[in-house]
PDB file of N, CA and C in Angstrom:
ATOM      1  N   MET A   1      88.990 170.227 114.645  1.00  0.00           N
ATOM      2  CA  MET A   1      89.068 168.787 114.757  1.00  0.00           C
ATOM      3  C   MET A   1      87.769 168.126 114.300  1.00  0.00           C
ATOM      4  N   ALA A   2      86.665 168.807 114.489  1.00  0.00           N
ATOM      5  CA  ALA A   2      85.383 168.233 114.079  1.00  0.00           C
ATOM      6  C   ALA A   2      85.351 167.959 112.586  1.00  0.00           C
ATOM      7  N   VAL A   3      86.023 168.793 111.813  1.00  0.00           N
ATOM      8  CA  VAL A   3      86.067 168.595 110.367  1.00  0.00           C
ATOM      9  C   VAL A   3      86.785 167.281 110.044  1.00  0.00           C
ATOM     10  N   VAL A   4      87.860 166.997 110.746  1.00  0.00           N
ATOM     11  CA  VAL A   4      88.619 165.758 110.521  1.00  0.00           C
ATOM     12  C   VAL A   4      87.777 164.541 110.892  1.00  0.00           C
ATOM     13  N   TYR A   5      87.098 164.599 112.029  1.00  0.00           N
ATOM     14  CA  TYR A   5      86.276 163.464 112.443  1.00  0.00           C
ATOM     15  C   TYR A   5      85.121 163.240 111.468  1.00  0.00           C
ATOM     16  N   THR A   6      84.553 164.327 110.963  1.00  0.00           N
ATOM     17  CA  THR A   6      83.479 164.210 109.974  1.00  0.00           C
ATOM     18  C   THR A   6      84.009 163.600 108.685  1.00  0.00           C
ATOM     19  N   TRP A   7      85.196 164.038 108.271  1.00  0.00           N
ATOM     20  CA  TRP A   7      85.812 163.487 107.068  1.00  0.00           C
ATOM     21  C   TRP A   7      86.043 161.985 107.234  1.00  0.00           C
ATOM     22  N   VAL A   8      86.555 161.579 108.380  1.00  0.00           N
ATOM     23  CA  VAL A   8      86.788 160.152 108.645  1.00  0.00           C
ATOM     24  C   VAL A   8      85.462 159.397 108.578  1.00  0.00           C
ATOM     25  N   PHE A   9      84.440 159.933 109.199  1.00  0.00           N
ATOM     26  CA  PHE A   9      83.120 159.293 109.180  1.00  0.00           C
ATOM     27  C   PHE A   9      82.632 159.102 107.748  1.00  0.00           C
ATOM     28  N   GLN A  10      82.751 160.124 106.934  1.00  0.00           N
ATOM     29  CA  GLN A  10      82.255 160.041 105.563  1.00  0.00           C
ATOM     30  C   GLN A  10      83.127 159.162 104.679  1.00  0.00           C
ATOM     31  N   ARG A  11      84.434 159.206 104.846  1.00  0.00           N
ATOM     32  CA  ARG A  11      85.342 158.431 104.005  1.00  0.00           C
ATOM     33  C   ARG A  11      85.340 156.937 104.335  1.00  0.00           C
ATOM     34  N   THR A  12      84.872 156.574 105.507  1.00  0.00           N
ATOM     35  CA  THR A  12      84.835 155.160 105.872  1.00  0.00           C
ATOM     36  C   THR A  12      83.449 154.562 105.662  1.00  0.00           C
ATOM     37  N   GLY A  13      82.654 155.220 104.846  1.00  0.00           N
ATOM     38  CA  GLY A  13      81.334 154.695 104.537  1.00  0.00           C
ATOM     39  C   GLY A  13      80.355 154.834 105.693  1.00  0.00           C
ATOM     40  N   GLY A  14      80.527 155.855 106.516  1.00  0.00           N
ATOM     41  CA  GLY A  14      79.617 156.091 107.628  1.00  0.00           C
ATOM     42  C   GLY A  14      79.931 155.266 108.869  1.00  0.00           C
ATOM     43  N   SER A  15      81.189 154.888 109.033  1.00  0.00           N
ATOM     44  CA  SER A  15      81.564 154.108 110.201  1.00  0.00           C
ATOM     45  C   SER A  15      81.782 155.026 111.404  1.00  0.00           C
ATOM     46  N   ALA A  16      80.809 155.047 112.271  1.00  0.00           N
ATOM     47  CA  ALA A  16      80.944 155.863 113.482  1.00  0.00           C
ATOM     48  C   ALA A  16      82.020 155.280 114.393  1.00  0.00           C
ATOM     49  N   LEU A  17      82.216 153.981 114.338  1.00  0.00           N
ATOM     50  CA  LEU A  17      83.204 153.334 115.196  1.00  0.00           C
ATOM     51  C   LEU A  17      84.604 153.901 114.962  1.00  0.00           C
ATOM     52  N   LEU A  18      85.025 154.028 113.710  1.00  0.00           N
ATOM     53  CA  LEU A  18      86.363 154.554 113.445  1.00  0.00           C
ATOM     54  C   LEU A  18      86.486 156.019 113.846  1.00  0.00           C
ATOM     55  N   ALA A  19      85.442 156.805 113.613  1.00  0.00           N
ATOM     56  CA  ALA A  19      85.482 158.210 114.024  1.00  0.00           C
ATOM     57  C   ALA A  19      85.555 158.327 115.547  1.00  0.00           C
ATOM     58  N   ILE A  20      84.814 157.499 116.245  1.00  0.00           N
ATOM     59  CA  ILE A  20      84.832 157.504 117.720  1.00  0.00           C
ATOM     60  C   ILE A  20      86.190 157.047 118.235  1.00  0.00           C
ATOM     61  N   LEU A  21      86.744 155.998 117.632  1.00  0.00           N
ATOM     62  CA  LEU A  21      88.054 155.514 118.058  1.00  0.00           C
ATOM     63  C   LEU A  21      89.151 156.547 117.797  1.00  0.00           C
ATOM     64  N   LEU A  22      89.069 157.248 116.692  1.00  0.00           N
ATOM     65  CA  LEU A  22      90.040 158.306 116.413  1.00  0.00           C
ATOM     66  C   LEU A  22      89.930 159.417 117.452  1.00  0.00           C
ATOM     67  N   HIS A  23      88.723 159.823 117.754  1.00  0.00           N
ATOM     68  CA  HIS A  23      88.509 160.875 118.751  1.00  0.00           C
ATOM     69  C   HIS A  23      89.024 160.440 120.126  1.00  0.00           C
ATOM     70  N   ALA A  24      88.666 159.241 120.530  1.00  0.00           N
ATOM     71  CA  ALA A  24      89.098 158.737 121.835  1.00  0.00           C
ATOM     72  C   ALA A  24      90.613 158.565 121.888  1.00  0.00           C
ATOM     73  N   GLY A  25      91.184 158.052 120.822  1.00  0.00           N
ATOM     74  CA  GLY A  25      92.629 157.861 120.776  1.00  0.00           C
ATOM     75  C   GLY A  25      93.384 159.176 120.841  1.00  0.00           C
ATOM     76  N   THR A  26      92.895 160.169 120.150  1.00  0.00           N
ATOM     77  CA  THR A  26      93.518 161.491 120.190  1.00  0.00           C
ATOM     78  C   THR A  26      93.455 162.066 121.596  1.00  0.00           C
ATOM     79  N   ASN A  27      92.291 161.980 122.216  1.00  0.00           N
ATOM     80  CA  ASN A  27      92.148 162.497 123.578  1.00  0.00           C
ATOM     81  C   ASN A  27      93.042 161.744 124.558  1.00  0.00           C
ATOM     82  N   LEU A  28      93.064 160.439 124.446  1.00  0.00           N
ATOM     83  CA  LEU A  28      93.831 159.623 125.374  1.00  0.00           C
ATOM     84  C   LEU A  28      95.333 159.875 125.259  1.00  0.00           C
ATOM     85  N   THR A  29      95.845 159.895 124.049  1.00  0.00           N
ATOM     86  CA  THR A  29      97.284 160.085 123.889  1.00  0.00           C
ATOM     87  C   THR A  29      97.726 161.486 124.290  1.00  0.00           C
ATOM     88  N   THR A  30      96.936 162.483 123.957  1.00  0.00           N
ATOM     89  CA  THR A  30      97.292 163.854 124.331  1.00  0.00           C
ATOM     90  C   THR A  30      97.235 164.022 125.841  1.00  0.00           C
ATOM     91  N   LEU A  31      96.201 163.507 126.456  1.00  0.00           N
ATOM     92  CA  LEU A  31      96.055 163.610 127.902  1.00  0.00           C
ATOM     93  C   LEU A  31      97.154 162.821 128.614  1.00  0.00           C
ATOM     94  N   SER A  32      97.456 161.628 128.136  1.00  0.00           N
ATOM     95  CA  SER A  32      98.486 160.803 128.766  1.00  0.00           C
ATOM     96  C   SER A  32      99.844 161.492 128.727  1.00  0.00           C
ATOM     97  N   ALA A  33     100.183 162.072 127.591  1.00  0.00           N
ATOM     98  CA  ALA A  33     101.463 162.764 127.473  1.00  0.00           C
ATOM     99  C   ALA A  33     101.512 163.984 128.381  1.00  0.00           C
ATOM    100  N   SER A  34     100.415 164.701 128.487  1.00  0.00           N
ATOM    101  CA  SER A  34     100.372 165.895 129.332  1.00  0.00           C
ATOM    102  C   SER A  34     100.471 165.533 130.809  1.00  0.00           C
ATOM    103  N   VAL A  35      99.753 164.497 131.207  1.00  0.00           N
ATOM    104  CA  VAL A  35      99.759 164.067 132.607  1.00  0.00           C
ATOM    105  C   VAL A  35     101.130 163.530 132.996  1.00  0.00           C
ATOM    106  N   ALA A  36     101.807 162.888 132.070  1.00  0.00           N
ATOM    107  CA  ALA A  36     103.122 162.316 132.352  1.00  0.00           C
ATOM    108  C   ALA A  36     104.192 163.398 132.496  1.00  0.00           C
ATOM    109  N   GLY A  37     103.832 164.642 132.280  1.00  0.00           N
ATOM    110  CA  GLY A  37     104.779 165.736 132.439  1.00  0.00           C
ATOM    111  C   GLY A  37     105.650 165.956 131.220  1.00  0.00           C
ATOM    112  N   ALA A  38     105.192 165.496 130.075  1.00  0.00           N
ATOM    113  CA  ALA A  38     105.965 165.661 128.851  1.00  0.00           C
ATOM    114  C   ALA A  38     105.970 167.120 128.418  1.00  0.00           C
ATOM    115  N   THR A  39     106.977 167.480 127.696  1.00  0.00           N
ATOM    116  CA  THR A  39     107.053 168.825 127.152  1.00  0.00           C
ATOM    117  C   THR A  39     106.054 168.961 126.014  1.00  0.00           C
ATOM    118  N   VAL A  40     105.867 170.175 125.567  1.00  0.00           N
ATOM    119  CA  VAL A  40     104.943 170.417 124.458  1.00  0.00           C
ATOM    120  C   VAL A  40     105.425 169.679 123.211  1.00  0.00           C
ATOM    121  N   ARG A  41     106.724 169.663 123.011  1.00  0.00           N
ATOM    122  CA  ARG A  41     107.283 168.993 121.841  1.00  0.00           C
ATOM    123  C   ARG A  41     106.954 167.499 121.848  1.00  0.00           C
ATOM    124  N   VAL A  42     107.114 166.857 122.969  1.00  0.00           N
ATOM    125  CA  VAL A  42     106.809 165.424 123.069  1.00  0.00           C
ATOM    126  C   VAL A  42     105.315 165.186 122.865  1.00  0.00           C
ATOM    127  N   THR A  43     104.493 166.045 123.450  1.00  0.00           N
ATOM    128  CA  THR A  43     103.048 165.903 123.291  1.00  0.00           C
ATOM    129  C   THR A  43     102.653 166.017 121.824  1.00  0.00           C
ATOM    130  N   VAL A  44     103.248 166.950 121.104  1.00  0.00           N
ATOM    131  CA  VAL A  44     102.953 167.112 119.678  1.00  0.00           C
ATOM    132  C   VAL A  44     103.421 165.885 118.896  1.00  0.00           C
ATOM    133  N   LEU A  45     104.579 165.352 119.229  1.00  0.00           N
ATOM    134  CA  LEU A  45     105.068 164.144 118.557  1.00  0.00           C
ATOM    135  C   LEU A  45     104.142 162.951 118.800  1.00  0.00           C
ATOM    136  N   VAL A  46     103.649 162.827 120.010  1.00  0.00           N
ATOM    137  CA  VAL A  46     102.710 161.747 120.323  1.00  0.00           C
ATOM    138  C   VAL A  46     101.422 161.934 119.522  1.00  0.00           C
ATOM    139  N   LEU A  47     100.953 163.154 119.433  1.00  0.00           N
ATOM    140  CA  LEU A  47      99.735 163.443 118.669  1.00  0.00           C
ATOM    141  C   LEU A  47      99.952 163.127 117.187  1.00  0.00           C
ATOM    142  N   LEU A  48     101.095 163.493 116.645  1.00  0.00           N
ATOM    143  CA  LEU A  48     101.387 163.182 115.242  1.00  0.00           C
ATOM    144  C   LEU A  48     101.463 161.680 115.008  1.00  0.00           C
ATOM    145  N   ALA A  49     102.036 160.959 115.944  1.00  0.00           N
ATOM    146  CA  ALA A  49     102.093 159.496 115.825  1.00  0.00           C
ATOM    147  C   ALA A  49     100.682 158.907 115.825  1.00  0.00           C
ATOM    148  N   THR A  50      99.812 159.472 116.637  1.00  0.00           N
ATOM    149  CA  THR A  50      98.420 159.011 116.680  1.00  0.00           C
ATOM    150  C   THR A  50      97.747 159.233 115.331  1.00  0.00           C
ATOM    151  N   TRP A  51      97.964 160.400 114.750  1.00  0.00           N
ATOM    152  CA  TRP A  51      97.360 160.705 113.452  1.00  0.00           C
ATOM    153  C   TRP A  51      97.919 159.792 112.359  1.00  0.00           C
ATOM    154  N   LEU A  52      99.200 159.484 112.437  1.00  0.00           N
ATOM    155  CA  LEU A  52      99.807 158.583 111.461  1.00  0.00           C
ATOM    156  C   LEU A  52      99.193 157.186 111.571  1.00  0.00           C
ATOM    157  N   LEU A  53      99.044 156.718 112.792  1.00  0.00           N
ATOM    158  CA  LEU A  53      98.405 155.420 113.000  1.00  0.00           C
ATOM    159  C   LEU A  53      96.973 155.422 112.483  1.00  0.00           C
ATOM    160  N   ALA A  54      96.265 156.509 112.738  1.00  0.00           N
ATOM    161  CA  ALA A  54      94.885 156.617 112.249  1.00  0.00           C
ATOM    162  C   ALA A  54      94.851 156.577 110.728  1.00  0.00           C
ATOM    163  N   ALA A  55      95.794 157.231 110.076  1.00  0.00           N
ATOM    164  CA  ALA A  55      95.840 157.223 108.611  1.00  0.00           C
ATOM    165  C   ALA A  55      96.085 155.815 108.076  1.00  0.00           C
ATOM    166  N   VAL A  56      96.939 155.072 108.741  1.00  0.00           N
ATOM    167  CA  VAL A  56      97.216 153.698 108.328  1.00  0.00           C
ATOM    168  C   VAL A  56      95.972 152.824 108.492  1.00  0.00           C
ATOM    169  N   VAL A  57      95.304 152.972 109.612  1.00  0.00           N
ATOM    170  CA  VAL A  57      94.089 152.178 109.863  1.00  0.00           C
ATOM    171  C   VAL A  57      93.004 152.521 108.850  1.00  0.00           C
ATOM    172  N   ILE A  58      92.821 153.801 108.582  1.00  0.00           N
ATOM    173  CA  ILE A  58      91.797 154.218 107.612  1.00  0.00           C
ATOM    174  C   ILE A  58      92.154 153.711 106.220  1.00  0.00           C
ATOM    175  N   GLY A  59      93.431 153.772 105.865  1.00  0.00           N
ATOM    176  CA  GLY A  59      93.860 153.256 104.565  1.00  0.00           C
ATOM    177  C   GLY A  59      93.588 151.775 104.426  1.00  0.00           C
ATOM    178  N   ALA A  60      93.882 151.032 105.473  1.00  0.00           N
ATOM    179  CA  ALA A  60      93.610 149.593 105.455  1.00  0.00           C
ATOM    180  C   ALA A  60      92.113 149.321 105.385  1.00  0.00           C
ATOM    181  N   TRP A  61      91.355 150.105 106.105  1.00  0.00           N
ATOM    182  CA  TRP A  61      89.890 149.957 106.115  1.00  0.00           C
ATOM    183  C   TRP A  61      89.339 150.216 104.714  1.00  0.00           C
ATOM    184  N   GLN A  62      89.811 151.285 104.068  1.00  0.00           N
ATOM    185  CA  GLN A  62      89.337 151.622 102.728  1.00  0.00           C
ATOM    186  C   GLN A  62      89.736 150.545 101.726  1.00  0.00           C
ATOM    187  N   ARG A  63      90.928 150.047 101.859  1.00  0.00           N
ATOM    188  CA  ARG A  63      91.406 149.013 100.944  1.00  0.00           C
ATOM    189  C   ARG A  63      90.550 147.758 101.041  1.00  0.00           C
ATOM    190  N   LYS A  64      90.169 147.430 102.271  1.00  0.00           N
ATOM    191  CA  LYS A  64      89.340 146.245 102.504  1.00  0.00           C
ATOM    192  C   LYS A  64      87.939 146.434 101.938  1.00  0.00           C
ATOM    193  N   ARG A  65      87.411 147.647 102.030  1.00  0.00           N
ATOM    194  CA  ARG A  65      86.038 147.911 101.612  1.00  0.00           C
ATOM    195  C   ARG A  65      85.908 148.200 100.123  1.00  0.00           C
ATOM    196  N   THR A  66      87.005 148.513  99.437  1.00  0.00           N
ATOM    197  CA  THR A  66      86.954 148.852  98.019  1.00  0.00           C
ATOM    198  C   THR A  66      86.833 147.578  97.202  1.00  0.00           C
ATOM    199  N   PRO A  67      85.762 147.485  96.417  1.00  0.00           N
ATOM    200  CA  PRO A  67      85.599 146.268  95.611  1.00  0.00           C
ATOM    201  C   PRO A  67      86.663 146.207  94.513  1.00  0.00           C
ATOM    202  N   ARG A  68      87.180 145.037  94.301  1.00  0.00           N
ATOM    203  CA  ARG A  68      88.171 144.848  93.245  1.00  0.00           C
ATOM    204  C   ARG A  68      87.436 144.553  91.942  1.00  0.00           C
ATOM    205  N   ARG A  69      88.010 145.034  90.875  1.00  0.00           N
ATOM    206  CA  ARG A  69      87.365 144.770  89.585  1.00  0.00           C
ATOM    207  C   ARG A  69      87.680 143.352  89.155  1.00  0.00           C
ATOM    208  N   ALA A  70      86.759 142.766  88.440  1.00  0.00           N
ATOM    209  CA  ALA A  70      86.921 141.401  87.968  1.00  0.00           C
ATOM    210  C   ALA A  70      87.997 141.351  86.907  1.00  0.00           C
ATOM    211  N   ALA A  71      88.772 140.305  86.893  1.00  0.00           N
ATOM    212  CA  ALA A  71      89.811 140.123  85.883  1.00  0.00           C
ATOM    213  C   ALA A  71      89.175 139.808  84.543  1.00  0.00           C
ATOM    214  N   SER A  72      89.639 140.491  83.519  1.00  0.00           N
ATOM    215  CA  SER A  72      89.123 140.227  82.179  1.00  0.00           C
ATOM    216  C   SER A  72      90.000 139.182  81.500  1.00  0.00           C
ATOM    217  N   ALA A  73      89.566 138.691  80.375  1.00  0.00           N
ATOM    218  CA  ALA A  73      90.336 137.699  79.627  1.00  0.00           C
ATOM    219  C   ALA A  73      91.690 138.282  79.206  1.00  0.00           C
ATOM    220  N   ARG A  74      91.706 139.561  78.890  1.00  0.00           N
ATOM    221  CA  ARG A  74      92.951 140.211  78.473  1.00  0.00           C
ATOM    222  C   ARG A  74      93.946 140.262  79.623  1.00  0.00           C
ATOM    223  N   ASP A  75      93.464 140.463  80.867  1.00  0.00           N
ATOM    224  CA  ASP A  75      94.348 140.502  82.021  1.00  0.00           C
ATOM    225  C   ASP A  75      94.956 139.142  82.306  1.00  0.00           C
ATOM    226  N   LEU A  76      94.223 138.098  82.019  1.00  0.00           N
ATOM    227  CA  LEU A  76      94.675 136.747  82.329  1.00  0.00           C
ATOM    228  C   LEU A  76      95.649 136.213  81.281  1.00  0.00           C
ATOM    229  N   ALA A  77      95.666 136.799  80.102  1.00  0.00           N
ATOM    230  CA  ALA A  77      96.534 136.306  79.015  1.00  0.00           C
ATOM    231  C   ALA A  77      97.961 136.750  79.176  1.00  0.00           C
TER     232      ALA A  77
END
């Protein structure tokens, strides 16, 4: 898991906040499902949903941080 958190940290331009939130979210959802008496299958599904949400957030974050190229005269014609 440390490799994933490191990858998130590096891919978000050094944002420790997103890496920390991913780590905390993973721990919270896995623990919540386990404490609620969920089966292993449900716990895995909850964990996968967490990872999917994290991927969406990281994608949105990257999209926001990626500079757009300036429109050229050819693009405007």
